[in-house]
Amino acid sequence: MSSLKAFFAQNVQTNITEEFVVSERFKDESGKPIPWKIRTLSEAENEEIRKASTQYVKGKGGQRVPETKPEIYLAKVAVASVVFPDLKDADLQNLMG
């Protein structure tokens, strides 16, 4: 059996960008599928996204407790991870909106 050490945080390779075809629907001028570029996020980036996706709500006894909104968190992770296409591009946003 192989060691689980490969999955420990200190052994994980970071700063990886990969290309893959998300869908055959997105094609270039020659009809070939356009690959997207996806990158890994650092734990610092992940923590920043988590904080931006967390709000404080009233809990038991009136105390404020943090609550992370999963839909906001996942959307922010997706946008931060996608290198190409640039999901923050104004023209793309106008087409989608």
PDB file of N, CA and C in Angstrom:
ATOM      1  N   MET A   1       0.849  -1.177   0.000  1.00  0.00           N
ATOM      2  CA  MET A   1       0.000   0.000   0.000  1.00  0.00           C
ATOM      3  C   MET A   1       0.895   1.241   0.000  1.00  0.00           C
ATOM      4  N   SER A   2       0.524   2.223  -0.786  1.00  0.00           N
ATOM      5  CA  SER A   2       1.329   3.434  -0.860  1.00  0.00           C
ATOM      6  C   SER A   2       1.066   4.328   0.350  1.00  0.00           C
ATOM      7  N   SER A   3       2.023   5.172   0.623  1.00  0.00           N
ATOM      8  CA  SER A   3       1.968   6.037   1.793  1.00  0.00           C
ATOM      9  C   SER A   3       0.996   7.192   1.588  1.00  0.00           C
ATOM     10  N   LEU A   4       0.341   7.568   2.645  1.00  0.00           N
ATOM     11  CA  LEU A   4      -0.559   8.717   2.598  1.00  0.00           C
ATOM     12  C   LEU A   4       0.192  10.031   2.731  1.00  0.00           C
ATOM     13  N   LYS A   5       1.506   9.967   2.933  1.00  0.00           N
ATOM     14  CA  LYS A   5       2.310  11.169   3.095  1.00  0.00           C
ATOM     15  C   LYS A   5       2.223  12.081   1.872  1.00  0.00           C
ATOM     16  N   ALA A   6       1.974  11.505   0.714  1.00  0.00           N
ATOM     17  CA  ALA A   6       1.866  12.306  -0.510  1.00  0.00           C
ATOM     18  C   ALA A   6       0.713  13.307  -0.420  1.00  0.00           C
ATOM     19  N   PHE A   7      -0.252  13.052   0.445  1.00  0.00           N
ATOM     20  CA  PHE A   7      -1.420  13.918   0.567  1.00  0.00           C
ATOM     21  C   PHE A   7      -1.270  14.964   1.666  1.00  0.00           C
ATOM     22  N   PHE A   8      -0.174  14.939   2.419  1.00  0.00           N
ATOM     23  CA  PHE A   8       0.060  15.917   3.469  1.00  0.00           C
ATOM     24  C   PHE A   8       0.316  17.280   2.834  1.00  0.00           C
ATOM     25  N   ALA A   9      -0.122  18.317   3.491  1.00  0.00           N
ATOM     26  CA  ALA A   9      -0.031  19.674   2.946  1.00  0.00           C
ATOM     27  C   ALA A   9       1.386  20.045   2.521  1.00  0.00           C
ATOM     28  N   GLN A  10       2.379  19.676   3.304  1.00  0.00           N
ATOM     29  CA  GLN A  10       3.754  20.052   2.981  1.00  0.00           C
ATOM     30  C   GLN A  10       4.300  19.313   1.755  1.00  0.00           C
ATOM     31  N   ASN A  11       3.627  18.258   1.314  1.00  0.00           N
ATOM     32  CA  ASN A  11       4.090  17.486   0.160  1.00  0.00           C
ATOM     33  C   ASN A  11       3.296  17.763  -1.115  1.00  0.00           C
ATOM     34  N   VAL A  12       2.346  18.645  -1.044  1.00  0.00           N
ATOM     35  CA  VAL A  12       1.494  18.946  -2.191  1.00  0.00           C
ATOM     36  C   VAL A  12       2.155  20.006  -3.060  1.00  0.00           C
ATOM     37  N   GLN A  13       2.191  19.743  -4.350  1.00  0.00           N
ATOM     38  CA  GLN A  13       2.764  20.719  -5.280  1.00  0.00           C
ATOM     39  C   GLN A  13       1.791  21.884  -5.434  1.00  0.00           C
ATOM     40  N   THR A  14       2.333  23.101  -5.464  1.00  0.00           N
ATOM     41  CA  THR A  14       1.494  24.288  -5.593  1.00  0.00           C
ATOM     42  C   THR A  14       1.833  25.018  -6.884  1.00  0.00           C
ATOM     43  N   ASN A  15       1.090  26.056  -7.154  1.00  0.00           N
ATOM     44  CA  ASN A  15       1.298  26.888  -8.347  1.00  0.00           C
ATOM     45  C   ASN A  15       1.237  26.075  -9.635  1.00  0.00           C
ATOM     46  N   ILE A  16       0.180  25.324  -9.779  1.00  0.00           N
ATOM     47  CA  ILE A  16      -0.011  24.512 -10.976  1.00  0.00           C
ATOM     48  C   ILE A  16      -1.100  25.149 -11.819  1.00  0.00           C
ATOM     49  N   THR A  17      -0.855  25.249 -13.113  1.00  0.00           N
ATOM     50  CA  THR A  17      -1.870  25.689 -14.060  1.00  0.00           C
ATOM     51  C   THR A  17      -2.030  24.583 -15.093  1.00  0.00           C
ATOM     52  N   GLU A  18      -3.258  24.180 -15.331  1.00  0.00           N
ATOM     53  CA  GLU A  18      -3.532  23.117 -16.289  1.00  0.00           C
ATOM     54  C   GLU A  18      -4.546  23.604 -17.307  1.00  0.00           C
ATOM     55  N   GLU A  19      -4.453  23.049 -18.495  1.00  0.00           N
ATOM     56  CA  GLU A  19      -5.423  23.331 -19.549  1.00  0.00           C
ATOM     57  C   GLU A  19      -6.269  22.091 -19.778  1.00  0.00           C
ATOM     58  N   PHE A  20      -7.562  22.307 -19.963  1.00  0.00           N
ATOM     59  CA  PHE A  20      -8.420  21.197 -20.357  1.00  0.00           C
ATOM     60  C   PHE A  20      -9.668  21.747 -21.017  1.00  0.00           C
ATOM     61  N   VAL A  21     -10.265  20.921 -21.828  1.00  0.00           N
ATOM     62  CA  VAL A  21     -11.471  21.310 -22.544  1.00  0.00           C
ATOM     63  C   VAL A  21     -12.660  21.102 -21.613  1.00  0.00           C
ATOM     64  N   VAL A  22     -13.313  22.187 -21.285  1.00  0.00           N
ATOM     65  CA  VAL A  22     -14.465  22.138 -20.388  1.00  0.00           C
ATOM     66  C   VAL A  22     -15.679  21.596 -21.129  1.00  0.00           C
ATOM     67  N   SER A  23     -15.815  22.024 -22.388  1.00  0.00           N
ATOM     68  CA  SER A  23     -16.963  21.618 -23.196  1.00  0.00           C
ATOM     69  C   SER A  23     -16.595  21.687 -24.669  1.00  0.00           C
ATOM     70  N   GLU A  24     -17.136  20.789 -25.429  1.00  0.00           N
ATOM     71  CA  GLU A  24     -16.942  20.797 -26.882  1.00  0.00           C
ATOM     72  C   GLU A  24     -17.732  21.942 -27.531  1.00  0.00           C
ATOM     73  N   ARG A  25     -18.578  22.610 -26.773  1.00  0.00           N
ATOM     74  CA  ARG A  25     -19.398  23.701 -27.314  1.00  0.00           C
ATOM     75  C   ARG A  25     -18.601  24.961 -27.600  1.00  0.00           C
ATOM     76  N   PHE A  26     -17.496  25.168 -26.899  1.00  0.00           N
ATOM     77  CA  PHE A  26     -16.681  26.373 -27.070  1.00  0.00           C
ATOM     78  C   PHE A  26     -15.567  26.077 -28.060  1.00  0.00           C
ATOM     79  N   LYS A  27     -15.682  26.653 -29.278  1.00  0.00           N
ATOM     80  CA  LYS A  27     -14.730  26.337 -30.348  1.00  0.00           C
ATOM     81  C   LYS A  27     -14.077  27.598 -30.889  1.00  0.00           C
ATOM     82  N   ASP A  28     -12.842  27.441 -31.376  1.00  0.00           N
ATOM     83  CA  ASP A  28     -12.142  28.557 -31.997  1.00  0.00           C
ATOM     84  C   ASP A  28     -12.571  28.681 -33.461  1.00  0.00           C
ATOM     85  N   GLU A  29     -11.922  29.588 -34.185  1.00  0.00           N
ATOM     86  CA  GLU A  29     -12.286  29.859 -35.574  1.00  0.00           C
ATOM     87  C   GLU A  29     -12.125  28.637 -36.477  1.00  0.00           C
ATOM     88  N   SER A  30     -11.234  27.735 -36.116  1.00  0.00           N
ATOM     89  CA  SER A  30     -11.005  26.543 -36.940  1.00  0.00           C
ATOM     90  C   SER A  30     -11.858  25.359 -36.491  1.00  0.00           C
ATOM     91  N   GLY A  31     -12.712  25.569 -35.502  1.00  0.00           N
ATOM     92  CA  GLY A  31     -13.624  24.523 -35.063  1.00  0.00           C
ATOM     93  C   GLY A  31     -13.075  23.613 -33.977  1.00  0.00           C
ATOM     94  N   LYS A  32     -11.884  23.922 -33.465  1.00  0.00           N
ATOM     95  CA  LYS A  32     -11.293  23.109 -32.405  1.00  0.00           C
ATOM     96  C   LYS A  32     -11.786  23.604 -31.045  1.00  0.00           C
ATOM     97  N   PRO A  33     -12.018  22.673 -30.119  1.00  0.00           N
ATOM     98  CA  PRO A  33     -12.443  23.080 -28.774  1.00  0.00           C
ATOM     99  C   PRO A  33     -11.380  23.961 -28.108  1.00  0.00           C
ATOM    100  N   ILE A  34     -11.837  24.992 -27.415  1.00  0.00           N
ATOM    101  CA  ILE A  34     -10.937  25.927 -26.732  1.00  0.00           C
ATOM    102  C   ILE A  34     -10.707  25.431 -25.310  1.00  0.00           C
ATOM    103  N   PRO A  35      -9.432  25.167 -24.968  1.00  0.00           N
ATOM    104  CA  PRO A  35      -9.162  24.739 -23.589  1.00  0.00           C
ATOM    105  C   PRO A  35      -9.215  25.913 -22.611  1.00  0.00           C
ATOM    106  N   TRP A  36      -9.702  25.639 -21.443  1.00  0.00           N
ATOM    107  CA  TRP A  36      -9.676  26.600 -20.357  1.00  0.00           C
ATOM    108  C   TRP A  36      -8.384  26.387 -19.588  1.00  0.00           C
ATOM    109  N   LYS A  37      -7.922  27.417 -18.877  1.00  0.00           N
ATOM    110  CA  LYS A  37      -6.749  27.308 -18.011  1.00  0.00           C
ATOM    111  C   LYS A  37      -7.227  27.473 -16.570  1.00  0.00           C
ATOM    112  N   ILE A  38      -6.888  26.486 -15.754  1.00  0.00           N
ATOM    113  CA  ILE A  38      -7.282  26.468 -14.348  1.00  0.00           C
ATOM    114  C   ILE A  38      -6.015  26.406 -13.505  1.00  0.00           C
ATOM    115  N   ARG A  39      -5.999  27.156 -12.403  1.00  0.00           N
ATOM    116  CA  ARG A  39      -4.820  27.161 -11.536  1.00  0.00           C
ATOM    117  C   ARG A  39      -5.200  26.771 -10.110  1.00  0.00           C
ATOM    118  N   THR A  40      -4.193  26.329  -9.387  1.00  0.00           N
ATOM    119  CA  THR A  40      -4.393  26.033  -7.972  1.00  0.00           C
ATOM    120  C   THR A  40      -4.412  27.345  -7.185  1.00  0.00           C
ATOM    121  N   LEU A  41      -5.039  27.301  -6.040  1.00  0.00           N
ATOM    122  CA  LEU A  41      -5.063  28.454  -5.142  1.00  0.00           C
ATOM    123  C   LEU A  41      -4.195  28.150  -3.934  1.00  0.00           C
ATOM    124  N   SER A  42      -3.535  29.159  -3.423  1.00  0.00           N
ATOM    125  CA  SER A  42      -2.767  28.991  -2.193  1.00  0.00           C
ATOM    126  C   SER A  42      -3.739  28.996  -1.014  1.00  0.00           C
ATOM    127  N   GLU A  43      -3.266  28.534   0.126  1.00  0.00           N
ATOM    128  CA  GLU A  43      -4.117  28.553   1.313  1.00  0.00           C
ATOM    129  C   GLU A  43      -4.424  29.989   1.724  1.00  0.00           C
ATOM    130  N   ALA A  44      -3.497  30.912   1.474  1.00  0.00           N
ATOM    131  CA  ALA A  44      -3.748  32.325   1.791  1.00  0.00           C
ATOM    132  C   ALA A  44      -4.885  32.868   0.931  1.00  0.00           C
ATOM    133  N   GLU A  45      -4.889  32.524  -0.367  1.00  0.00           N
ATOM    134  CA  GLU A  45      -5.976  32.957  -1.252  1.00  0.00           C
ATOM    135  C   GLU A  45      -7.295  32.330  -0.820  1.00  0.00           C
ATOM    136  N   ASN A  46      -7.244  31.054  -0.471  1.00  0.00           N
ATOM    137  CA  ASN A  46      -8.443  30.359  -0.026  1.00  0.00           C
ATOM    138  C   ASN A  46      -9.012  30.996   1.235  1.00  0.00           C
ATOM    139  N   GLU A  47      -8.134  31.334   2.172  1.00  0.00           N
ATOM    140  CA  GLU A  47      -8.576  31.967   3.421  1.00  0.00           C
ATOM    141  C   GLU A  47      -9.194  33.333   3.153  1.00  0.00           C
ATOM    142  N   GLU A  48      -8.598  34.088   2.236  1.00  0.00           N
ATOM    143  CA  GLU A  48      -9.145  35.399   1.871  1.00  0.00           C
ATOM    144  C   GLU A  48     -10.546  35.244   1.268  1.00  0.00           C
ATOM    145  N   ILE A  49     -10.716  34.256   0.414  1.00  0.00           N
ATOM    146  CA  ILE A  49     -12.026  33.991  -0.196  1.00  0.00           C
ATOM    147  C   ILE A  49     -13.022  33.552   0.871  1.00  0.00           C
ATOM    148  N   ARG A  50     -12.573  32.707   1.786  1.00  0.00           N
ATOM    149  CA  ARG A  50     -13.460  32.242   2.854  1.00  0.00           C
ATOM    150  C   ARG A  50     -13.939  33.420   3.704  1.00  0.00           C
ATOM    151  N   LYS A  51     -13.009  34.313   4.057  1.00  0.00           N
ATOM    152  CA  LYS A  51     -13.381  35.484   4.858  1.00  0.00           C
ATOM    153  C   LYS A  51     -14.365  36.376   4.107  1.00  0.00           C
ATOM    154  N   ALA A  52     -14.153  36.539   2.798  1.00  0.00           N
ATOM    155  CA  ALA A  52     -15.045  37.374   1.989  1.00  0.00           C
ATOM    156  C   ALA A  52     -16.416  36.731   1.814  1.00  0.00           C
ATOM    157  N   SER A  53     -16.511  35.437   2.077  1.00  0.00           N
ATOM    158  CA  SER A  53     -17.769  34.711   1.906  1.00  0.00           C
ATOM    159  C   SER A  53     -18.464  34.459   3.240  1.00  0.00           C
ATOM    160  N   THR A  54     -17.933  35.044   4.295  1.00  0.00           N
ATOM    161  CA  THR A  54     -18.464  34.805   5.641  1.00  0.00           C
ATOM    162  C   THR A  54     -19.126  36.067   6.168  1.00  0.00           C
ATOM    163  N   GLN A  55     -20.265  35.868   6.773  1.00  0.00           N
ATOM    164  CA  GLN A  55     -20.938  36.972   7.444  1.00  0.00           C
ATOM    165  C   GLN A  55     -21.283  36.518   8.859  1.00  0.00           C
ATOM    166  N   TYR A  56     -21.549  37.458   9.707  1.00  0.00           N
ATOM    167  CA  TYR A  56     -21.902  37.136  11.084  1.00  0.00           C
ATOM    168  C   TYR A  56     -23.410  37.197  11.243  1.00  0.00           C
ATOM    169  N   VAL A  57     -23.954  36.150  11.843  1.00  0.00           N
ATOM    170  CA  VAL A  57     -25.393  36.058  12.078  1.00  0.00           C
ATOM    171  C   VAL A  57     -25.633  35.896  13.576  1.00  0.00           C
ATOM    172  N   LYS A  58     -26.830  36.202  13.967  1.00  0.00           N
ATOM    173  CA  LYS A  58     -27.177  36.075  15.382  1.00  0.00           C
ATOM    174  C   LYS A  58     -27.400  34.603  15.703  1.00  0.00           C
ATOM    175  N   GLY A  59     -26.668  34.125  16.689  1.00  0.00           N
ATOM    176  CA  GLY A  59     -26.778  32.732  17.121  1.00  0.00           C
ATOM    177  C   GLY A  59     -27.536  32.635  18.426  1.00  0.00           C
ATOM    178  N   LYS A  60     -27.388  31.506  19.087  1.00  0.00           N
ATOM    179  CA  LYS A  60     -28.057  31.273  20.365  1.00  0.00           C
ATOM    180  C   LYS A  60     -27.598  32.303  21.388  1.00  0.00           C
ATOM    181  N   GLY A  61     -28.523  32.777  22.156  1.00  0.00           N
ATOM    182  CA  GLY A  61     -28.205  33.743  23.198  1.00  0.00           C
ATOM    183  C   GLY A  61     -27.847  35.113  22.657  1.00  0.00           C
ATOM    184  N   GLY A  62     -28.125  35.356  21.387  1.00  0.00           N
ATOM    185  CA  GLY A  62     -27.866  36.653  20.795  1.00  0.00           C
ATOM    186  C   GLY A  62     -26.423  36.879  20.375  1.00  0.00           C
ATOM    187  N   GLN A  63     -25.580  35.863  20.551  1.00  0.00           N
ATOM    188  CA  GLN A  63     -24.181  36.020  20.150  1.00  0.00           C
ATOM    189  C   GLN A  63     -24.060  35.962  18.628  1.00  0.00           C
ATOM    190  N   ARG A  64     -23.115  36.739  18.138  1.00  0.00           N
ATOM    191  CA  ARG A  64     -22.849  36.728  16.688  1.00  0.00           C
ATOM    192  C   ARG A  64     -21.889  35.584  16.377  1.00  0.00           C
ATOM    193  N   VAL A  65     -22.265  34.772  15.392  1.00  0.00           N
ATOM    194  CA  VAL A  65     -21.422  33.642  14.997  1.00  0.00           C
ATOM    195  C   VAL A  65     -21.143  33.731  13.495  1.00  0.00           C
ATOM    196  N   PRO A  66     -19.934  33.322  13.069  1.00  0.00           N
ATOM    197  CA  PRO A  66     -19.617  33.379  11.643  1.00  0.00           C
ATOM    198  C   PRO A  66     -20.352  32.289  10.871  1.00  0.00           C
ATOM    199  N   GLU A  67     -20.810  32.647   9.689  1.00  0.00           N
ATOM    200  CA  GLU A  67     -21.484  31.687   8.808  1.00  0.00           C
ATOM    201  C   GLU A  67     -20.960  31.902   7.389  1.00  0.00           C
ATOM    202  N   THR A  68     -20.324  30.884   6.849  1.00  0.00           N
ATOM    203  CA  THR A  68     -19.820  30.965   5.481  1.00  0.00           C
ATOM    204  C   THR A  68     -20.935  30.570   4.525  1.00  0.00           C
ATOM    205  N   LYS A  69     -21.183  31.429   3.532  1.00  0.00           N
ATOM    206  CA  LYS A  69     -22.205  31.167   2.517  1.00  0.00           C
ATOM    207  C   LYS A  69     -21.577  30.298   1.431  1.00  0.00           C
ATOM    208  N   PRO A  70     -21.958  29.018   1.333  1.00  0.00           N
ATOM    209  CA  PRO A  70     -21.298  28.116   0.383  1.00  0.00           C
ATOM    210  C   PRO A  70     -21.434  28.540  -1.072  1.00  0.00           C
ATOM    211  N   GLU A  71     -22.566  29.108  -1.449  1.00  0.00           N
ATOM    212  CA  GLU A  71     -22.742  29.507  -2.845  1.00  0.00           C
ATOM    213  C   GLU A  71     -21.814  30.669  -3.219  1.00  0.00           C
ATOM    214  N   ILE A  72     -21.593  31.576  -2.285  1.00  0.00           N
ATOM    215  CA  ILE A  72     -20.678  32.696  -2.524  1.00  0.00           C
ATOM    216  C   ILE A  72     -19.242  32.193  -2.535  1.00  0.00           C
ATOM    217  N   TYR A  73     -18.908  31.341  -1.569  1.00  0.00           N
ATOM    218  CA  TYR A  73     -17.556  30.789  -1.485  1.00  0.00           C
ATOM    219  C   TYR A  73     -17.199  30.032  -2.769  1.00  0.00           C
ATOM    220  N   LEU A  74     -18.064  29.136  -3.222  1.00  0.00           N
ATOM    221  CA  LEU A  74     -17.765  28.338  -4.414  1.00  0.00           C
ATOM    222  C   LEU A  74     -17.650  29.202  -5.668  1.00  0.00           C
ATOM    223  N   ALA A  75     -18.486  30.211  -5.787  1.00  0.00           N
ATOM    224  CA  ALA A  75     -18.406  31.109  -6.946  1.00  0.00           C
ATOM    225  C   ALA A  75     -17.078  31.862  -6.945  1.00  0.00           C
ATOM    226  N   LYS A  76     -16.656  32.336  -5.780  1.00  0.00           N
ATOM    227  CA  LYS A  76     -15.390  33.072  -5.679  1.00  0.00           C
ATOM    228  C   LYS A  76     -14.191  32.162  -5.956  1.00  0.00           C
ATOM    229  N   VAL A  77     -14.245  30.916  -5.488  1.00  0.00           N
ATOM    230  CA  VAL A  77     -13.172  29.961  -5.756  1.00  0.00           C
ATOM    231  C   VAL A  77     -13.095  29.674  -7.257  1.00  0.00           C
ATOM    232  N   ALA A  78     -14.237  29.491  -7.896  1.00  0.00           N
ATOM    233  CA  ALA A  78     -14.257  29.215  -9.334  1.00  0.00           C
ATOM    234  C   ALA A  78     -13.654  30.374 -10.120  1.00  0.00           C
ATOM    235  N   VAL A  79     -14.064  31.582  -9.805  1.00  0.00           N
ATOM    236  CA  VAL A  79     -13.556  32.756 -10.528  1.00  0.00           C
ATOM    237  C   VAL A  79     -12.054  32.926 -10.295  1.00  0.00           C
ATOM    238  N   ALA A  80     -11.598  32.717  -9.062  1.00  0.00           N
ATOM    239  CA  ALA A  80     -10.175  32.869  -8.762  1.00  0.00           C
ATOM    240  C   ALA A  80      -9.329  31.770  -9.408  1.00  0.00           C
ATOM    241  N   SER A  81      -9.898  30.599  -9.614  1.00  0.00           N
ATOM    242  CA  SER A  81      -9.160  29.461 -10.167  1.00  0.00           C
ATOM    243  C   SER A  81      -9.059  29.483 -11.682  1.00  0.00           C
ATOM    244  N   VAL A  82     -10.012  30.116 -12.345  1.00  0.00           N
ATOM    245  CA  VAL A  82     -10.020  30.115 -13.812  1.00  0.00           C
ATOM    246  C   VAL A  82      -9.119  31.244 -14.316  1.00  0.00           C
ATOM    247  N   VAL A  83      -8.063  30.872 -15.035  1.00  0.00           N
ATOM    248  CA  VAL A  83      -7.136  31.832 -15.622  1.00  0.00           C
ATOM    249  C   VAL A  83      -7.656  32.295 -16.982  1.00  0.00           C
ATOM    250  N   PHE A  84      -8.123  31.339 -17.792  1.00  0.00           N
ATOM    251  CA  PHE A  84      -8.675  31.637 -19.106  1.00  0.00           C
ATOM    252  C   PHE A  84      -9.883  30.761 -19.333  1.00  0.00           C
ATOM    253  N   PRO A  85     -10.996  31.324 -19.730  1.00  0.00           N
ATOM    254  CA  PRO A  85     -11.236  32.728 -20.026  1.00  0.00           C
ATOM    255  C   PRO A  85     -11.289  33.564 -18.748  1.00  0.00           C
ATOM    256  N   ASP A  86     -11.018  34.843 -18.894  1.00  0.00           N
ATOM    257  CA  ASP A  86     -11.054  35.760 -17.757  1.00  0.00           C
ATOM    258  C   ASP A  86     -12.512  36.015 -17.393  1.00  0.00           C
ATOM    259  N   LEU A  87     -12.976  35.379 -16.346  1.00  0.00           N
ATOM    260  CA  LEU A  87     -14.380  35.490 -15.960  1.00  0.00           C
ATOM    261  C   LEU A  87     -14.745  36.873 -15.440  1.00  0.00           C
ATOM    262  N   LYS A  88     -13.732  37.709 -15.172  1.00  0.00           N
ATOM    263  CA  LYS A  88     -13.989  39.075 -14.715  1.00  0.00           C
ATOM    264  C   LYS A  88     -14.021  40.075 -15.866  1.00  0.00           C
ATOM    265  N   ASP A  89     -13.793  39.617 -17.089  1.00  0.00           N
ATOM    266  CA  ASP A  89     -13.768  40.487 -18.259  1.00  0.00           C
ATOM    267  C   ASP A  89     -15.113  41.183 -18.438  1.00  0.00           C
ATOM    268  N   ALA A  90     -15.102  42.497 -18.619  1.00  0.00           N
ATOM    269  CA  ALA A  90     -16.329  43.297 -18.735  1.00  0.00           C
ATOM    270  C   ALA A  90     -17.178  42.870 -19.930  1.00  0.00           C
ATOM    271  N   ASP A  91     -16.536  42.608 -21.075  1.00  0.00           N
ATOM    272  CA  ASP A  91     -17.301  42.183 -22.254  1.00  0.00           C
ATOM    273  C   ASP A  91     -18.008  40.856 -22.012  1.00  0.00           C
ATOM    274  N   LEU A  92     -17.320  39.925 -21.372  1.00  0.00           N
ATOM    275  CA  LEU A  92     -17.936  38.632 -21.056  1.00  0.00           C
ATOM    276  C   LEU A  92     -19.084  38.815 -20.071  1.00  0.00           C
ATOM    277  N   GLN A  93     -18.906  39.667 -19.091  1.00  0.00           N
ATOM    278  CA  GLN A  93     -19.955  39.934 -18.120  1.00  0.00           C
ATOM    279  C   GLN A  93     -21.179  40.539 -18.791  1.00  0.00           C
ATOM    280  N   ASN A  94     -20.966  41.446 -19.750  1.00  0.00           N
ATOM    281  CA  ASN A  94     -22.087  42.062 -20.471  1.00  0.00           C
ATOM    282  C   ASN A  94     -22.848  41.041 -21.299  1.00  0.00           C
ATOM    283  N   LEU A  95     -22.136  40.090 -21.880  1.00  0.00           N
ATOM    284  CA  LEU A  95     -22.792  39.048 -22.678  1.00  0.00           C
ATOM    285  C   LEU A  95     -23.626  38.121 -21.797  1.00  0.00           C
ATOM    286  N   MET A  96     -23.140  37.877 -20.590  1.00  0.00           N
ATOM    287  CA  MET A  96     -23.807  36.946 -19.689  1.00  0.00           C
ATOM    288  C   MET A  96     -24.957  37.618 -18.928  1.00  0.00           C
ATOM    289  N   GLY A  97     -24.844  38.927 -18.721  1.00  0.00           N
ATOM    290  CA  GLY A  97     -25.787  39.626 -17.865  1.00  0.00           C
ATOM    291  C   GLY A  97     -27.012  40.036 -18.553  1.00  0.00           C
TER     292      GLY A  97
END
